[in-house]
PDB file of N, CA and C in Angstrom:
ATOM      1  N   MET A   1      13.188 -52.548  49.776  1.00  0.00           N
ATOM      2  CA  MET A   1      13.665 -51.700  48.473  1.00  0.00           C
ATOM      3  C   MET A   1      14.869 -52.324  47.842  1.00  0.00           C
ATOM      4  N   ILE A   2      14.581 -52.237  46.729  1.00  0.00           N
ATOM      5  CA  ILE A   2      15.091 -52.636  45.689  1.00  0.00           C
ATOM      6  C   ILE A   2      16.441 -52.228  45.270  1.00  0.00           C
ATOM      7  N   THR A   3      17.727 -52.714  44.845  1.00  0.00           N
ATOM      8  CA  THR A   3      19.056 -51.766  44.616  1.00  0.00           C
ATOM      9  C   THR A   3      19.027 -51.283  42.940  1.00  0.00           C
ATOM     10  N   CYS A   4      19.313 -51.119  42.588  1.00  0.00           N
ATOM     11  CA  CYS A   4      20.502 -50.702  40.938  1.00  0.00           C
ATOM     12  C   CYS A   4      20.487 -52.420  41.460  1.00  0.00           C
ATOM     13  N   ARG A   5      21.500 -52.489  41.258  1.00  0.00           N
ATOM     14  CA  ARG A   5      22.159 -53.737  40.940  1.00  0.00           C
ATOM     15  C   ARG A   5      21.107 -54.995  40.642  1.00  0.00           C
ATOM     16  N   GLU A   6      20.491 -55.181  41.940  1.00  0.00           N
ATOM     17  CA  GLU A   6      19.164 -55.813  41.848  1.00  0.00           C
ATOM     18  C   GLU A   6      18.462 -55.474  40.581  1.00  0.00           C
ATOM     19  N   CYS A   7      17.617 -54.398  40.182  1.00  0.00           N
ATOM     20  CA  CYS A   7      17.038 -54.488  39.000  1.00  0.00           C
ATOM     21  C   CYS A   7      17.671 -54.839  38.177  1.00  0.00           C
ATOM     22  N   ALA A   8      18.559 -54.699  38.048  1.00  0.00           N
ATOM     23  CA  ALA A   8      20.327 -54.404  36.443  1.00  0.00           C
ATOM     24  C   ALA A   8      19.666 -56.077  36.461  1.00  0.00           C
ATOM     25  N   GLU A   9      20.090 -57.112  37.650  1.00  0.00           N
ATOM     26  CA  GLU A   9      20.550 -58.859  37.462  1.00  0.00           C
ATOM     27  C   GLU A   9      18.687 -59.274  37.317  1.00  0.00           C
ATOM     28  N   LEU A  10      17.610 -58.370  37.434  1.00  0.00           N
ATOM     29  CA  LEU A  10      16.449 -58.931  36.644  1.00  0.00           C
ATOM     30  C   LEU A  10      15.915 -58.371  35.688  1.00  0.00           C
ATOM     31  N   LEU A  11      16.424 -57.595  35.181  1.00  0.00           N
ATOM     32  CA  LEU A  11      15.806 -56.759  34.263  1.00  0.00           C
ATOM     33  C   LEU A  11      15.033 -57.860  33.366  1.00  0.00           C
ATOM     34  N   LEU A  12      15.903 -59.149  32.371  1.00  0.00           N
ATOM     35  CA  LEU A  12      15.147 -59.699  31.763  1.00  0.00           C
ATOM     36  C   LEU A  12      13.664 -60.629  32.322  1.00  0.00           C
ATOM     37  N   GLU A  13      13.687 -60.538  33.470  1.00  0.00           N
ATOM     38  CA  GLU A  13      12.905 -61.936  33.790  1.00  0.00           C
ATOM     39  C   GLU A  13      11.795 -60.608  34.143  1.00  0.00           C
ATOM     40  N   TYR A  14      12.164 -59.188  34.093  1.00  0.00           N
ATOM     41  CA  TYR A  14      11.230 -57.791  34.318  1.00  0.00           C
ATOM     42  C   TYR A  14      10.293 -57.757  33.500  1.00  0.00           C
ATOM     43  N   LEU A  15      11.147 -58.230  32.308  1.00  0.00           N
ATOM     44  CA  LEU A  15      10.771 -57.411  31.393  1.00  0.00           C
ATOM     45  C   LEU A  15       9.572 -58.826  30.521  1.00  0.00           C
ATOM     46  N   THR A  16      10.054 -60.042  31.113  1.00  0.00           N
ATOM     47  CA  THR A  16       9.194 -60.949  30.639  1.00  0.00           C
ATOM     48  C   THR A  16       8.072 -61.652  31.168  1.00  0.00           C
ATOM     49  N   GLY A  17       8.029 -60.622  32.319  1.00  0.00           N
ATOM     50  CA  GLY A  17       7.096 -60.409  33.254  1.00  0.00           C
ATOM     51  C   GLY A  17       6.977 -62.266  33.971  1.00  0.00           C
ATOM     52  N   GLU A  18       8.445 -62.963  34.099  1.00  0.00           N
ATOM     53  CA  GLU A  18       8.729 -64.005  34.713  1.00  0.00           C
ATOM     54  C   GLU A  18       8.839 -64.178  36.613  1.00  0.00           C
ATOM     55  N   LEU A  19       8.487 -62.755  36.644  1.00  0.00           N
ATOM     56  CA  LEU A  19       9.251 -62.744  38.007  1.00  0.00           C
ATOM     57  C   LEU A  19       7.764 -62.863  39.279  1.00  0.00           C
ATOM     58  N   ASP A  20       7.461 -63.205  40.409  1.00  0.00           N
ATOM     59  CA  ASP A  20       6.188 -62.926  40.977  1.00  0.00           C
ATOM     60  C   ASP A  20       5.534 -61.533  41.132  1.00  0.00           C
ATOM     61  N   ASN A  21       4.339 -61.217  41.528  1.00  0.00           N
ATOM     62  CA  ASN A  21       3.975 -60.116  41.123  1.00  0.00           C
ATOM     63  C   ASN A  21       4.123 -59.079  43.077  1.00  0.00           C
ATOM     64  N   GLU A  22       4.805 -59.379  43.148  1.00  0.00           N
ATOM     65  CA  GLU A  22       5.715 -58.204  44.236  1.00  0.00           C
ATOM     66  C   GLU A  22       6.763 -57.918  43.993  1.00  0.00           C
ATOM     67  N   LEU A  23       7.557 -58.867  43.109  1.00  0.00           N
ATOM     68  CA  LEU A  23       8.975 -58.055  42.903  1.00  0.00           C
ATOM     69  C   LEU A  23       8.900 -57.194  41.756  1.00  0.00           C
ATOM     70  N   GLN A  24       7.563 -58.011  40.418  1.00  0.00           N
ATOM     71  CA  GLN A  24       7.405 -57.082  39.960  1.00  0.00           C
ATOM     72  C   GLN A  24       7.243 -55.577  40.143  1.00  0.00           C
ATOM     73  N   GLU A  25       6.733 -55.579  41.002  1.00  0.00           N
ATOM     74  CA  GLU A  25       6.046 -54.058  41.405  1.00  0.00           C
ATOM     75  C   GLU A  25       6.963 -53.325  42.414  1.00  0.00           C
ATOM     76  N   ARG A  26       7.555 -54.408  43.195  1.00  0.00           N
ATOM     77  CA  ARG A  26       9.131 -53.785  43.536  1.00  0.00           C
ATOM     78  C   ARG A  26       9.726 -52.846  42.756  1.00  0.00           C
ATOM     79  N   ILE A  27      10.436 -53.640  41.771  1.00  0.00           N
ATOM     80  CA  ILE A  27      11.088 -52.922  40.650  1.00  0.00           C
ATOM     81  C   ILE A  27      10.740 -51.999  40.240  1.00  0.00           C
ATOM     82  N   ARG A  28       9.386 -51.931  39.677  1.00  0.00           N
ATOM     83  CA  ARG A  28       8.489 -50.964  39.558  1.00  0.00           C
ATOM     84  C   ARG A  28       8.182 -49.509  40.057  1.00  0.00           C
ATOM     85  N   ARG A  29       8.198 -49.651  41.178  1.00  0.00           N
ATOM     86  CA  ARG A  29       8.280 -48.965  42.216  1.00  0.00           C
ATOM     87  C   ARG A  29       9.853 -47.898  42.065  1.00  0.00           C
ATOM     88  N   HIS A  30      10.430 -48.559  41.916  1.00  0.00           N
ATOM     89  CA  HIS A  30      11.953 -48.415  41.959  1.00  0.00           C
ATOM     90  C   HIS A  30      12.278 -47.440  40.637  1.00  0.00           C
ATOM     91  N   LEU A  31      11.740 -47.942  39.702  1.00  0.00           N
ATOM     92  CA  LEU A  31      11.975 -47.198  38.537  1.00  0.00           C
ATOM     93  C   LEU A  31      11.369 -46.029  38.361  1.00  0.00           C
ATOM     94  N   GLU A  32      10.595 -45.995  39.778  1.00  0.00           N
ATOM     95  CA  GLU A  32       9.987 -44.614  38.958  1.00  0.00           C
ATOM     96  C   GLU A  32      10.567 -43.888  40.022  1.00  0.00           C
ATOM     97  N   LYS A  33      11.308 -44.148  40.623  1.00  0.00           N
ATOM     98  CA  LYS A  33      12.165 -43.252  41.943  1.00  0.00           C
ATOM     99  C   LYS A  33      13.700 -42.799  40.840  1.00  0.00           C
ATOM    100  N   CYS A  34      14.320 -43.671  39.766  1.00  0.00           N
ATOM    101  CA  CYS A  34      15.331 -44.189  39.470  1.00  0.00           C
ATOM    102  C   CYS A  34      15.759 -43.787  38.490  1.00  0.00           C
ATOM    103  N   PRO A  35      15.629 -42.304  37.995  1.00  0.00           N
ATOM    104  CA  PRO A  35      16.216 -42.312  36.347  1.00  0.00           C
ATOM    105  C   PRO A  35      17.150 -43.346  35.739  1.00  0.00           C
ATOM    106  N   PRO A  36      18.214 -43.296  36.427  1.00  0.00           N
ATOM    107  CA  PRO A  36      19.137 -43.851  35.073  1.00  0.00           C
ATOM    108  C   PRO A  36      18.445 -45.683  35.151  1.00  0.00           C
ATOM    109  N   CYS A  37      18.073 -46.149  36.395  1.00  0.00           N
ATOM    110  CA  CYS A  37      18.061 -47.351  36.134  1.00  0.00           C
ATOM    111  C   CYS A  37      16.629 -47.119  34.811  1.00  0.00           C
ATOM    112  N   LEU A  38      15.601 -46.179  34.768  1.00  0.00           N
ATOM    113  CA  LEU A  38      14.449 -46.195  33.821  1.00  0.00           C
ATOM    114  C   LEU A  38      15.398 -46.399  32.331  1.00  0.00           C
ATOM    115  N   VAL A  39      16.505 -45.367  32.476  1.00  0.00           N
ATOM    116  CA  VAL A  39      17.242 -45.100  31.172  1.00  0.00           C
ATOM    117  C   VAL A  39      18.228 -46.588  30.588  1.00  0.00           C
ATOM    118  N   TYR A  40      18.414 -47.026  31.219  1.00  0.00           N
ATOM    119  CA  TYR A  40      18.651 -48.415  30.966  1.00  0.00           C
ATOM    120  C   TYR A  40      18.089 -49.916  30.873  1.00  0.00           C
ATOM    121  N   VAL A  41      16.672 -50.175  31.139  1.00  0.00           N
ATOM    122  CA  VAL A  41      15.582 -50.630  30.744  1.00  0.00           C
ATOM    123  C   VAL A  41      15.080 -49.712  29.249  1.00  0.00           C
ATOM    124  N   GLU A  42      14.926 -49.267  29.394  1.00  0.00           N
ATOM    125  CA  GLU A  42      14.011 -48.053  27.795  1.00  0.00           C
ATOM    126  C   GLU A  42      15.372 -48.689  27.029  1.00  0.00           C
ATOM    127  N   THR A  43      16.644 -48.658  27.016  1.00  0.00           N
ATOM    128  CA  THR A  43      17.885 -49.106  26.249  1.00  0.00           C
ATOM    129  C   THR A  43      17.688 -50.207  25.795  1.00  0.00           C
ATOM    130  N   TYR A  44      17.492 -51.266  26.978  1.00  0.00           N
ATOM    131  CA  TYR A  44      17.618 -52.610  27.171  1.00  0.00           C
ATOM    132  C   TYR A  44      16.705 -52.973  26.026  1.00  0.00           C
ATOM    133  N   GLN A  45      15.492 -52.512  26.176  1.00  0.00           N
ATOM    134  CA  GLN A  45      13.929 -52.362  25.131  1.00  0.00           C
ATOM    135  C   GLN A  45      14.149 -52.331  23.796  1.00  0.00           C
ATOM    136  N   VAL A  46      15.232 -51.335  23.318  1.00  0.00           N
ATOM    137  CA  VAL A  46      15.307 -50.846  22.112  1.00  0.00           C
ATOM    138  C   VAL A  46      16.452 -51.916  21.563  1.00  0.00           C
ATOM    139  N   THR A  47      17.391 -52.094  22.676  1.00  0.00           N
ATOM    140  CA  THR A  47      18.103 -52.864  21.864  1.00  0.00           C
ATOM    141  C   THR A  47      17.332 -54.346  21.418  1.00  0.00           C
ATOM    142  N   ILE A  48      16.782 -54.653  22.236  1.00  0.00           N
ATOM    143  CA  ILE A  48      16.045 -55.813  22.367  1.00  0.00           C
ATOM    144  C   ILE A  48      14.968 -55.975  20.608  1.00  0.00           C
ATOM    145  N   ARG A  49      14.580 -54.564  20.670  1.00  0.00           N
ATOM    146  CA  ARG A  49      13.608 -54.689  19.237  1.00  0.00           C
ATOM    147  C   ARG A  49      14.395 -54.752  17.818  1.00  0.00           C
ATOM    148  N   LEU A  50      16.121 -54.113  18.200  1.00  0.00           N
ATOM    149  CA  LEU A  50      16.637 -53.976  17.032  1.00  0.00           C
ATOM    150  C   LEU A  50      17.647 -54.767  16.468  1.00  0.00           C
ATOM    151  N   THR A  51      17.723 -56.205  17.992  1.00  0.00           N
ATOM    152  CA  THR A  51      18.359 -57.127  17.699  1.00  0.00           C
ATOM    153  C   THR A  51      17.186 -58.338  16.844  1.00  0.00           C
ATOM    154  N   ARG A  52      15.972 -58.116  17.086  1.00  0.00           N
ATOM    155  CA  ARG A  52      15.102 -58.753  16.521  1.00  0.00           C
ATOM    156  C   ARG A  52      15.370 -59.287  14.878  1.00  0.00           C
ATOM    157  N   LYS A  53      15.281 -57.866  14.516  1.00  0.00           N
ATOM    158  CA  LYS A  53      15.363 -57.004  13.057  1.00  0.00           C
ATOM    159  C   LYS A  53      16.406 -57.798  12.328  1.00  0.00           C
ATOM    160  N   LEU A  54      17.585 -58.238  12.940  1.00  0.00           N
ATOM    161  CA  LEU A  54      18.206 -58.864  12.423  1.00  0.00           C
ATOM    162  C   LEU A  54      18.315 -59.692  11.840  1.00  0.00           C
ATOM    163  N   PRO A  55      19.256 -60.176  10.697  1.00  0.00           N
ATOM    164  CA  PRO A  55      18.469 -61.397  10.047  1.00  0.00           C
ATOM    165  C   PRO A  55      19.515 -62.725  10.698  1.00  0.00           C
ATOM    166  N   CYS A  56      19.136 -64.098  11.056  1.00  0.00           N
ATOM    167  CA  CYS A  56      19.230 -64.958  11.285  1.00  0.00           C
ATOM    168  C   CYS A  56      20.011 -66.229  10.771  1.00  0.00           C
ATOM    169  N   ASP A  57      21.517 -65.713  10.631  1.00  0.00           N
ATOM    170  CA  ASP A  57      22.293 -66.402   9.458  1.00  0.00           C
ATOM    171  C   ASP A  57      22.916 -67.549  10.678  1.00  0.00           C
ATOM    172  N   GLU A  58      23.120 -68.513   9.739  1.00  0.00           N
ATOM    173  CA  GLU A  58      23.981 -69.605  10.523  1.00  0.00           C
ATOM    174  C   GLU A  58      25.456 -69.502  10.636  1.00  0.00           C
ATOM    175  N   LEU A  59      25.645 -69.597  12.260  1.00  0.00           N
ATOM    176  CA  LEU A  59      27.628 -69.042  12.465  1.00  0.00           C
ATOM    177  C   LEU A  59      27.993 -70.288  11.557  1.00  0.00           C
ATOM    178  N   PRO A  60      29.334 -69.186  11.513  1.00  0.00           N
ATOM    179  CA  PRO A  60      30.108 -69.939  10.798  1.00  0.00           C
ATOM    180  C   PRO A  60      30.894 -71.668  11.688  1.00  0.00           C
ATOM    181  N   PRO A  61      31.360 -72.776  11.172  1.00  0.00           N
ATOM    182  CA  PRO A  61      31.629 -73.494  12.399  1.00  0.00           C
ATOM    183  C   PRO A  61      32.324 -72.987  13.399  1.00  0.00           C
ATOM    184  N   GLU A  62      33.352 -72.304  12.557  1.00  0.00           N
ATOM    185  CA  GLU A  62      34.465 -71.833  13.733  1.00  0.00           C
ATOM    186  C   GLU A  62      34.413 -70.942  14.436  1.00  0.00           C
ATOM    187  N   VAL A  63      33.514 -70.401  14.669  1.00  0.00           N
ATOM    188  CA  VAL A  63      32.428 -69.294  15.365  1.00  0.00           C
ATOM    189  C   VAL A  63      32.094 -69.969  16.602  1.00  0.00           C
ATOM    190  N   ALA A  64      30.881 -71.025  15.678  1.00  0.00           N
ATOM    191  CA  ALA A  64      30.237 -71.357  16.588  1.00  0.00           C
ATOM    192  C   ALA A  64      30.944 -72.227  17.508  1.00  0.00           C
ATOM    193  N   GLU A  65      32.374 -72.961  17.009  1.00  0.00           N
ATOM    194  CA  GLU A  65      33.163 -73.670  18.045  1.00  0.00           C
ATOM    195  C   GLU A  65      33.728 -72.831  19.316  1.00  0.00           C
ATOM    196  N   ARG A  66      34.564 -71.810  18.601  1.00  0.00           N
ATOM    197  CA  ARG A  66      34.736 -70.615  19.732  1.00  0.00           C
ATOM    198  C   ARG A  66      34.111 -70.601  20.553  1.00  0.00           C
ATOM    199  N   LEU A  67      33.087 -70.171  20.627  1.00  0.00           N
ATOM    200  CA  LEU A  67      31.751 -70.122  21.635  1.00  0.00           C
ATOM    201  C   LEU A  67      31.333 -70.797  22.319  1.00  0.00           C
ATOM    202  N   ARG A  68      31.088 -72.220  21.565  1.00  0.00           N
ATOM    203  CA  ARG A  68      31.295 -73.278  22.855  1.00  0.00           C
ATOM    204  C   ARG A  68      32.097 -73.597  23.974  1.00  0.00           C
ATOM    205  N   ALA A  69      33.165 -73.031  22.933  1.00  0.00           N
ATOM    206  CA  ALA A  69      34.487 -73.211  24.128  1.00  0.00           C
ATOM    207  C   ALA A  69      34.229 -72.097  25.273  1.00  0.00           C
ATOM    208  N   ALA A  70      34.561 -70.807  24.810  1.00  0.00           N
ATOM    209  CA  ALA A  70      34.150 -69.822  25.781  1.00  0.00           C
ATOM    210  C   ALA A  70      32.655 -70.155  26.961  1.00  0.00           C
ATOM    211  N   LEU A  71      31.753 -70.763  26.161  1.00  0.00           N
ATOM    212  CA  LEU A  71      30.692 -70.547  27.458  1.00  0.00           C
ATOM    213  C   LEU A  71      31.021 -72.361  28.544  1.00  0.00           C
ATOM    214  N   ALA A  72      31.628 -73.068  28.151  1.00  0.00           N
ATOM    215  CA  ALA A  72      31.917 -74.440  28.421  1.00  0.00           C
ATOM    216  C   ALA A  72      33.216 -73.764  29.776  1.00  0.00           C
ATOM    217  N   GLU A  73      34.506 -72.631  29.191  1.00  0.00           N
ATOM    218  CA  GLU A  73      35.260 -72.098  29.939  1.00  0.00           C
ATOM    219  C   GLU A  73      34.711 -71.344  31.021  1.00  0.00           C
ATOM    220  N   ALA A  74      33.634 -70.579  30.771  1.00  0.00           N
ATOM    221  CA  ALA A  74      32.544 -69.786  32.098  1.00  0.00           C
ATOM    222  C   ALA A  74      31.623 -70.698  32.492  1.00  0.00           C
ATOM    223  N   GLU A  75      31.714 -71.669  32.113  1.00  0.00           N
ATOM    224  CA  GLU A  75      30.977 -72.396  33.602  1.00  0.00           C
ATOM    225  C   GLU A  75      31.573 -73.449  34.844  1.00  0.00           C
ATOM    226  N   GLN A  76      32.629 -72.960  34.257  1.00  0.00           N
ATOM    227  CA  GLN A  76      34.194 -73.891  35.501  1.00  0.00           C
ATOM    228  C   GLN A  76      34.400 -72.817  36.031  1.00  0.00           C
TER     229      GLN A  76
END
């Protein structure tokens, strides 16, 4: 049995089909029995669709630098 936490952690890979068949099936079965996780997945899918519609403007240099610094700090 897969837990809700595991389901959430594997969500992107599940939606993109990157998991092996057994794990895909375990998550699918979990979603059939867990309404909160199903709502989470559906919300995630809506978020992906909506963000794909946003314009793709270039980041201002100062924002890009702050983002790089935050990512570097998170890796440590």
